[in-house]
Amino acid sequence: MEASAVIGMRVAKIASGGDADQRETRLMMQEKMQAALELQFAMATGGLGSTPLAGTQKVLKHYRGKVGANRRRLGKAGG
């Protein structure tokens, strides 16, 4: 549910046009690339655990943190 809220807030911000939408689009792409790199590193170094369940749980925890931070940022006035 939280990811859906972030998607909705981002779509509204991007649809509004102007400098803010361009900044949000750039930030979104940077965040996605950074999160993917962090998880690739964790996978390559054994940081995701040794079972599929452990790996899935760690990936979900990783993204929950990112999504929560975005929800808080986008929920602020002018965010």
PDB file of N, CA and C in Angstrom:
ATOM      1  N   MET A   1       0.819  -1.191   0.000  1.00  0.00           N
ATOM      2  CA  MET A   1       0.000   0.000   0.000  1.00  0.00           C
ATOM      3  C   MET A   1       0.863   1.254   0.000  1.00  0.00           C
ATOM      4  N   GLU A   2       1.959   1.227   0.761  1.00  0.00           N
ATOM      5  CA  GLU A   2       2.808   2.406   0.846  1.00  0.00           C
ATOM      6  C   GLU A   2       3.425   2.733  -0.505  1.00  0.00           C
ATOM      7  N   ALA A   3       3.834   1.709  -1.240  1.00  0.00           N
ATOM      8  CA  ALA A   3       4.408   1.948  -2.572  1.00  0.00           C
ATOM      9  C   ALA A   3       3.372   2.581  -3.494  1.00  0.00           C
ATOM     10  N   SER A   4       2.134   2.155  -3.393  1.00  0.00           N
ATOM     11  CA  SER A   4       1.073   2.745  -4.219  1.00  0.00           C
ATOM     12  C   SER A   4       0.884   4.219  -3.900  1.00  0.00           C
ATOM     13  N   ALA A   5       0.978   4.566  -2.627  1.00  0.00           N
ATOM     14  CA  ALA A   5       0.848   5.971  -2.230  1.00  0.00           C
ATOM     15  C   ALA A   5       1.983   6.798  -2.811  1.00  0.00           C
ATOM     16  N   VAL A   6       3.198   6.261  -2.765  1.00  0.00           N
ATOM     17  CA  VAL A   6       4.356   6.977  -3.313  1.00  0.00           C
ATOM     18  C   VAL A   6       4.201   7.148  -4.819  1.00  0.00           C
ATOM     19  N   ILE A   7       3.748   6.118  -5.490  1.00  0.00           N
ATOM     20  CA  ILE A   7       3.534   6.218  -6.943  1.00  0.00           C
ATOM     21  C   ILE A   7       2.521   7.320  -7.240  1.00  0.00           C
ATOM     22  N   GLY A   8       1.424   7.342  -6.503  1.00  0.00           N
ATOM     23  CA  GLY A   8       0.408   8.373  -6.709  1.00  0.00           C
ATOM     24  C   GLY A   8       0.942   9.775  -6.468  1.00  0.00           C
ATOM     25  N   MET A   9       1.716   9.948  -5.389  1.00  0.00           N
ATOM     26  CA  MET A   9       2.274  11.268  -5.092  1.00  0.00           C
ATOM     27  C   MET A   9       3.264  11.702  -6.165  1.00  0.00           C
ATOM     28  N   ARG A  10       4.057  10.737  -6.632  1.00  0.00           N
ATOM     29  CA  ARG A  10       5.038  11.072  -7.673  1.00  0.00           C
ATOM     30  C   ARG A  10       4.347  11.414  -8.991  1.00  0.00           C
ATOM     31  N   VAL A  11       3.343  10.656  -9.358  1.00  0.00           N
ATOM     32  CA  VAL A  11       2.615  10.938 -10.603  1.00  0.00           C
ATOM     33  C   VAL A  11       2.004  12.336 -10.539  1.00  0.00           C
ATOM     34  N   ALA A  12       1.412  12.685  -9.404  1.00  0.00           N
ATOM     35  CA  ALA A  12       0.814  14.015  -9.255  1.00  0.00           C
ATOM     36  C   ALA A  12       1.868  15.105  -9.374  1.00  0.00           C
ATOM     37  N   LYS A  13       3.012  14.888  -8.752  1.00  0.00           N
ATOM     38  CA  LYS A  13       4.084  15.887  -8.800  1.00  0.00           C
ATOM     39  C   LYS A  13       4.616  16.035 -10.218  1.00  0.00           C
ATOM     40  N   ILE A  14       4.856  14.921 -10.891  1.00  0.00           N
ATOM     41  CA  ILE A  14       5.398  14.957 -12.250  1.00  0.00           C
ATOM     42  C   ILE A  14       4.382  15.565 -13.214  1.00  0.00           C
ATOM     43  N   ALA A  15       3.109  15.266 -13.018  1.00  0.00           N
ATOM     44  CA  ALA A  15       2.067  15.795 -13.908  1.00  0.00           C
ATOM     45  C   ALA A  15       1.878  17.296 -13.758  1.00  0.00           C
ATOM     46  N   SER A  16       2.320  17.847 -12.636  1.00  0.00           N
ATOM     47  CA  SER A  16       2.139  19.287 -12.408  1.00  0.00           C
ATOM     48  C   SER A  16       3.028  20.132 -13.309  1.00  0.00           C
ATOM     49  N   GLY A  17       4.083  19.532 -13.841  1.00  0.00           N
ATOM     50  CA  GLY A  17       4.960  20.250 -14.764  1.00  0.00           C
ATOM     51  C   GLY A  17       5.932  21.170 -14.049  1.00  0.00           C
ATOM     52  N   GLY A  18       6.790  21.778 -14.829  1.00  0.00           N
ATOM     53  CA  GLY A  18       7.749  22.735 -14.286  1.00  0.00           C
ATOM     54  C   GLY A  18       9.026  22.090 -13.798  1.00  0.00           C
ATOM     55  N   ASP A  19       9.799  22.894 -13.068  1.00  0.00           N
ATOM     56  CA  ASP A  19      11.092  22.430 -12.574  1.00  0.00           C
ATOM     57  C   ASP A  19      10.953  21.298 -11.566  1.00  0.00           C
ATOM     58  N   ALA A  20       9.911  21.349 -10.741  1.00  0.00           N
ATOM     59  CA  ALA A  20       9.731  20.335  -9.705  1.00  0.00           C
ATOM     60  C   ALA A  20       9.547  18.950 -10.307  1.00  0.00           C
ATOM     61  N   ASP A  21       8.831  18.853 -11.413  1.00  0.00           N
ATOM     62  CA  ASP A  21       8.620  17.531 -12.012  1.00  0.00           C
ATOM     63  C   ASP A  21       9.914  16.987 -12.591  1.00  0.00           C
ATOM     64  N   GLN A  22      10.734  17.838 -13.158  1.00  0.00           N
ATOM     65  CA  GLN A  22      12.014  17.381 -13.703  1.00  0.00           C
ATOM     66  C   GLN A  22      12.946  16.926 -12.585  1.00  0.00           C
ATOM     67  N   ARG A  23      12.965  17.667 -11.477  1.00  0.00           N
ATOM     68  CA  ARG A  23      13.789  17.267 -10.326  1.00  0.00           C
ATOM     69  C   ARG A  23      13.320  15.926  -9.775  1.00  0.00           C
ATOM     70  N   GLU A  24      12.003  15.762  -9.657  1.00  0.00           N
ATOM     71  CA  GLU A  24      11.461  14.513  -9.112  1.00  0.00           C
ATOM     72  C   GLU A  24      11.785  13.334 -10.025  1.00  0.00           C
ATOM     73  N   THR A  25      11.697  13.536 -11.325  1.00  0.00           N
ATOM     74  CA  THR A  25      12.013  12.462 -12.271  1.00  0.00           C
ATOM     75  C   THR A  25      13.479  12.073 -12.166  1.00  0.00           C
ATOM     76  N   ARG A  26      14.359  13.061 -12.099  1.00  0.00           N
ATOM     77  CA  ARG A  26      15.798  12.764 -11.961  1.00  0.00           C
ATOM     78  C   ARG A  26      16.075  12.039 -10.654  1.00  0.00           C
ATOM     79  N   LEU A  27      15.479  12.532  -9.571  1.00  0.00           N
ATOM     80  CA  LEU A  27      15.683  11.913  -8.269  1.00  0.00           C
ATOM     81  C   LEU A  27      15.177  10.474  -8.264  1.00  0.00           C
ATOM     82  N   MET A  28      14.023  10.245  -8.852  1.00  0.00           N
ATOM     83  CA  MET A  28      13.449   8.906  -8.913  1.00  0.00           C
ATOM     84  C   MET A  28      14.397   7.944  -9.637  1.00  0.00           C
ATOM     85  N   MET A  29      14.938   8.380 -10.758  1.00  0.00           N
ATOM     86  CA  MET A  29      15.841   7.515 -11.524  1.00  0.00           C
ATOM     87  C   MET A  29      17.138   7.261 -10.756  1.00  0.00           C
ATOM     88  N   GLN A  30      17.667   8.286 -10.111  1.00  0.00           N
ATOM     89  CA  GLN A  30      18.881   8.118  -9.312  1.00  0.00           C
ATOM     90  C   GLN A  30      18.646   7.140  -8.167  1.00  0.00           C
ATOM     91  N   GLU A  31      17.512   7.272  -7.495  1.00  0.00           N
ATOM     92  CA  GLU A  31      17.188   6.378  -6.381  1.00  0.00           C
ATOM     93  C   GLU A  31      17.048   4.937  -6.844  1.00  0.00           C
ATOM     94  N   LYS A  32      16.410   4.741  -7.983  1.00  0.00           N
ATOM     95  CA  LYS A  32      16.219   3.383  -8.496  1.00  0.00           C
ATOM     96  C   LYS A  32      17.555   2.746  -8.860  1.00  0.00           C
ATOM     97  N   MET A  33      18.428   3.510  -9.500  1.00  0.00           N
ATOM     98  CA  MET A  33      19.747   2.979  -9.863  1.00  0.00           C
ATOM     99  C   MET A  33      20.568   2.680  -8.616  1.00  0.00           C
ATOM    100  N   GLN A  34      20.523   3.572  -7.622  1.00  0.00           N
ATOM    101  CA  GLN A  34      21.267   3.361  -6.384  1.00  0.00           C
ATOM    102  C   GLN A  34      20.770   2.119  -5.645  1.00  0.00           C
ATOM    103  N   ALA A  35      19.462   1.955  -5.548  1.00  0.00           N
ATOM    104  CA  ALA A  35      18.902   0.787  -4.862  1.00  0.00           C
ATOM    105  C   ALA A  35      19.307  -0.503  -5.571  1.00  0.00           C
ATOM    106  N   ALA A  36      19.285  -0.498  -6.894  1.00  0.00           N
ATOM    107  CA  ALA A  36      19.682  -1.688  -7.651  1.00  0.00           C
ATOM    108  C   ALA A  36      21.152  -2.009  -7.423  1.00  0.00           C
ATOM    109  N   LEU A  37      22.002  -0.992  -7.416  1.00  0.00           N
ATOM    110  CA  LEU A  37      23.432  -1.217  -7.178  1.00  0.00           C
ATOM    111  C   LEU A  37      23.676  -1.756  -5.773  1.00  0.00           C
ATOM    112  N   GLU A  38      22.982  -1.208  -4.793  1.00  0.00           N
ATOM    113  CA  GLU A  38      23.133  -1.689  -3.418  1.00  0.00           C
ATOM    114  C   GLU A  38      22.753  -3.160  -3.306  1.00  0.00           C
ATOM    115  N   LEU A  39      21.654  -3.540  -3.942  1.00  0.00           N
ATOM    116  CA  LEU A  39      21.220  -4.938  -3.881  1.00  0.00           C
ATOM    117  C   LEU A  39      22.141  -5.856  -4.675  1.00  0.00           C
ATOM    118  N   GLN A  40      22.658  -5.388  -5.801  1.00  0.00           N
ATOM    119  CA  GLN A  40      23.613  -6.188  -6.568  1.00  0.00           C
ATOM    120  C   GLN A  40      24.866  -6.450  -5.745  1.00  0.00           C
ATOM    121  N   PHE A  41      25.342  -5.425  -5.049  1.00  0.00           N
ATOM    122  CA  PHE A  41      26.519  -5.592  -4.200  1.00  0.00           C
ATOM    123  C   PHE A  41      26.229  -6.587  -3.081  1.00  0.00           C
ATOM    124  N   ALA A  42      25.073  -6.442  -2.448  1.00  0.00           N
ATOM    125  CA  ALA A  42      24.700  -7.359  -1.372  1.00  0.00           C
ATOM    126  C   ALA A  42      24.625  -8.793  -1.880  1.00  0.00           C
ATOM    127  N   MET A  43      24.063  -8.976  -3.061  1.00  0.00           N
ATOM    128  CA  MET A  43      23.962 -10.315  -3.629  1.00  0.00           C
ATOM    129  C   MET A  43      25.349 -10.881  -3.934  1.00  0.00           C
ATOM    130  N   ALA A  44      26.210 -10.063  -4.505  1.00  0.00           N
ATOM    131  CA  ALA A  44      27.547 -10.525  -4.893  1.00  0.00           C
ATOM    132  C   ALA A  44      28.416 -10.866  -3.692  1.00  0.00           C
ATOM    133  N   THR A  45      28.156 -10.245  -2.563  1.00  0.00           N
ATOM    134  CA  THR A  45      28.982 -10.469  -1.379  1.00  0.00           C
ATOM    135  C   THR A  45      28.319 -11.377  -0.349  1.00  0.00           C
ATOM    136  N   GLY A  46      27.192 -11.974  -0.703  1.00  0.00           N
ATOM    137  CA  GLY A  46      26.500 -12.877   0.209  1.00  0.00           C
ATOM    138  C   GLY A  46      25.647 -12.172   1.243  1.00  0.00           C
ATOM    139  N   GLY A  47      25.430 -10.883   1.055  1.00  0.00           N
ATOM    140  CA  GLY A  47      24.686 -10.104   2.032  1.00  0.00           C
ATOM    141  C   GLY A  47      23.183 -10.326   2.033  1.00  0.00           C
ATOM    142  N   LEU A  48      22.691 -11.106   1.089  1.00  0.00           N
ATOM    143  CA  LEU A  48      21.248 -11.363   1.052  1.00  0.00           C
ATOM    144  C   LEU A  48      20.872 -12.682   1.713  1.00  0.00           C
ATOM    145  N   GLY A  49      21.833 -13.364   2.270  1.00  0.00           N
ATOM    146  CA  GLY A  49      21.544 -14.620   2.937  1.00  0.00           C
ATOM    147  C   GLY A  49      21.761 -15.812   2.027  1.00  0.00           C
ATOM    148  N   SER A  50      21.530 -16.982   2.571  1.00  0.00           N
ATOM    149  CA  SER A  50      21.839 -18.209   1.840  1.00  0.00           C
ATOM    150  C   SER A  50      20.610 -18.965   1.352  1.00  0.00           C
ATOM    151  N   THR A  51      19.431 -18.439   1.612  1.00  0.00           N
ATOM    152  CA  THR A  51      18.216 -19.106   1.142  1.00  0.00           C
ATOM    153  C   THR A  51      17.359 -18.119   0.353  1.00  0.00           C
ATOM    154  N   PRO A  52      16.518 -18.631  -0.519  1.00  0.00           N
ATOM    155  CA  PRO A  52      15.622 -17.726  -1.251  1.00  0.00           C
ATOM    156  C   PRO A  52      14.737 -16.893  -0.316  1.00  0.00           C
ATOM    157  N   LEU A  53      14.260 -17.491   0.766  1.00  0.00           N
ATOM    158  CA  LEU A  53      13.412 -16.762   1.708  1.00  0.00           C
ATOM    159  C   LEU A  53      14.182 -15.612   2.353  1.00  0.00           C
ATOM    160  N   ALA A  54      15.392 -15.885   2.806  1.00  0.00           N
ATOM    161  CA  ALA A  54      16.200 -14.837   3.436  1.00  0.00           C
ATOM    162  C   ALA A  54      16.484 -13.718   2.447  1.00  0.00           C
ATOM    163  N   GLY A  55      16.810 -14.079   1.217  1.00  0.00           N
ATOM    164  CA  GLY A  55      17.077 -13.072   0.194  1.00  0.00           C
ATOM    165  C   GLY A  55      15.862 -12.213  -0.085  1.00  0.00           C
ATOM    166  N   THR A  56      14.720 -12.847  -0.194  1.00  0.00           N
ATOM    167  CA  THR A  56      13.480 -12.112  -0.453  1.00  0.00           C
ATOM    168  C   THR A  56      13.162 -11.162   0.690  1.00  0.00           C
ATOM    169  N   GLN A  57      13.312 -11.634   1.913  1.00  0.00           N
ATOM    170  CA  GLN A  57      13.023 -10.790   3.072  1.00  0.00           C
ATOM    171  C   GLN A  57      13.952  -9.578   3.124  1.00  0.00           C
ATOM    172  N   LYS A  58      15.226  -9.778   2.814  1.00  0.00           N
ATOM    173  CA  LYS A  58      16.178  -8.664   2.851  1.00  0.00           C
ATOM    174  C   LYS A  58      15.915  -7.662   1.732  1.00  0.00           C
ATOM    175  N   VAL A  59      15.548  -8.154   0.568  1.00  0.00           N
ATOM    176  CA  VAL A  59      15.224  -7.246  -0.541  1.00  0.00           C
ATOM    177  C   VAL A  59      13.987  -6.415  -0.186  1.00  0.00           C
ATOM    178  N   LEU A  60      12.960  -7.056   0.360  1.00  0.00           N
ATOM    179  CA  LEU A  60      11.747  -6.325   0.739  1.00  0.00           C
ATOM    180  C   LEU A  60      12.032  -5.294   1.823  1.00  0.00           C
ATOM    181  N   LYS A  61      12.851  -5.656   2.795  1.00  0.00           N
ATOM    182  CA  LYS A  61      13.214  -4.716   3.858  1.00  0.00           C
ATOM    183  C   LYS A  61      13.955  -3.518   3.270  1.00  0.00           C
ATOM    184  N   HIS A  62      14.848  -3.780   2.336  1.00  0.00           N
ATOM    185  CA  HIS A  62      15.616  -2.721   1.677  1.00  0.00           C
ATOM    186  C   HIS A  62      14.673  -1.734   0.991  1.00  0.00           C
ATOM    187  N   TYR A  63      13.750  -2.253   0.205  1.00  0.00           N
ATOM    188  CA  TYR A  63      12.836  -1.378  -0.523  1.00  0.00           C
ATOM    189  C   TYR A  63      11.822  -0.699   0.387  1.00  0.00           C
ATOM    190  N   ARG A  64      11.405  -1.369   1.466  1.00  0.00           N
ATOM    191  CA  ARG A  64      10.473  -0.727   2.408  1.00  0.00           C
ATOM    192  C   ARG A  64      11.080   0.545   2.987  1.00  0.00           C
ATOM    193  N   GLY A  65      12.362   0.478   3.303  1.00  0.00           N
ATOM    194  CA  GLY A  65      13.037   1.661   3.831  1.00  0.00           C
ATOM    195  C   GLY A  65      13.060   2.797   2.826  1.00  0.00           C
ATOM    196  N   LYS A  66      13.355   2.469   1.577  1.00  0.00           N
ATOM    197  CA  LYS A  66      13.407   3.486   0.517  1.00  0.00           C
ATOM    198  C   LYS A  66      12.022   4.085   0.275  1.00  0.00           C
ATOM    199  N   VAL A  67      11.015   3.230   0.209  1.00  0.00           N
ATOM    200  CA  VAL A  67       9.647   3.691  -0.053  1.00  0.00           C
ATOM    201  C   VAL A  67       9.155   4.563   1.106  1.00  0.00           C
ATOM    202  N   GLY A  68       9.444   4.154   2.327  1.00  0.00           N
ATOM    203  CA  GLY A  68       9.030   4.938   3.487  1.00  0.00           C
ATOM    204  C   GLY A  68       9.654   6.326   3.489  1.00  0.00           C
ATOM    205  N   ALA A  69      10.932   6.399   3.153  1.00  0.00           N
ATOM    206  CA  ALA A  69      11.610   7.699   3.085  1.00  0.00           C
ATOM    207  C   ALA A  69      10.978   8.576   2.008  1.00  0.00           C
ATOM    208  N   ASN A  70      10.649   7.994   0.884  1.00  0.00           N
ATOM    209  CA  ASN A  70      10.009   8.762  -0.190  1.00  0.00           C
ATOM    210  C   ASN A  70       8.616   9.233   0.212  1.00  0.00           C
ATOM    211  N   ARG A  71       7.870   8.394   0.887  1.00  0.00           N
ATOM    212  CA  ARG A  71       6.529   8.782   1.334  1.00  0.00           C
ATOM    213  C   ARG A  71       6.617   9.967   2.283  1.00  0.00           C
ATOM    214  N   ARG A  72       7.559   9.922   3.212  1.00  0.00           N
ATOM    215  CA  ARG A  72       7.717  11.032   4.155  1.00  0.00           C
ATOM    216  C   ARG A  72       8.134  12.312   3.425  1.00  0.00           C
ATOM    217  N   ARG A  73       9.073  12.194   2.502  1.00  0.00           N
ATOM    218  CA  ARG A  73       9.548  13.362   1.763  1.00  0.00           C
ATOM    219  C   ARG A  73       8.441  13.955   0.897  1.00  0.00           C
ATOM    220  N   LEU A  74       7.755  13.109   0.151  1.00  0.00           N
ATOM    221  CA  LEU A  74       6.707  13.596  -0.748  1.00  0.00           C
ATOM    222  C   LEU A  74       5.479  14.093   0.006  1.00  0.00           C
ATOM    223  N   GLY A  75       5.271  13.599   1.216  1.00  0.00           N
ATOM    224  CA  GLY A  75       4.121  14.011   2.005  1.00  0.00           C
ATOM    225  C   GLY A  75       4.274  15.373   2.659  1.00  0.00           C
ATOM    226  N   LYS A  76       5.517  15.858   2.730  1.00  0.00           N
ATOM    227  CA  LYS A  76       5.748  17.187   3.307  1.00  0.00           C
ATOM    228  C   LYS A  76       5.238  18.257   2.357  1.00  0.00           C
ATOM    229  N   ALA A  77       4.842  19.374   2.914  1.00  0.00           N
ATOM    230  CA  ALA A  77       4.399  20.503   2.078  1.00  0.00           C
ATOM    231  C   ALA A  77       5.553  20.924   1.186  1.00  0.00           C
ATOM    232  N   GLY A  78       5.309  20.947  -0.112  1.00  0.00           N
ATOM    233  CA  GLY A  78       6.341  21.326  -1.070  1.00  0.00           C
ATOM    234  C   GLY A  78       7.311  20.217  -1.378  1.00  0.00           C
ATOM    235  N   GLY A  79       7.074  18.974  -0.830  1.00  0.00           N
ATOM    236  CA  GLY A  79       8.001  17.866  -1.001  1.00  0.00           C
ATOM    237  C   GLY A  79       7.844  17.149  -2.237  1.00  0.00           C
TER     238      GLY A  79
END
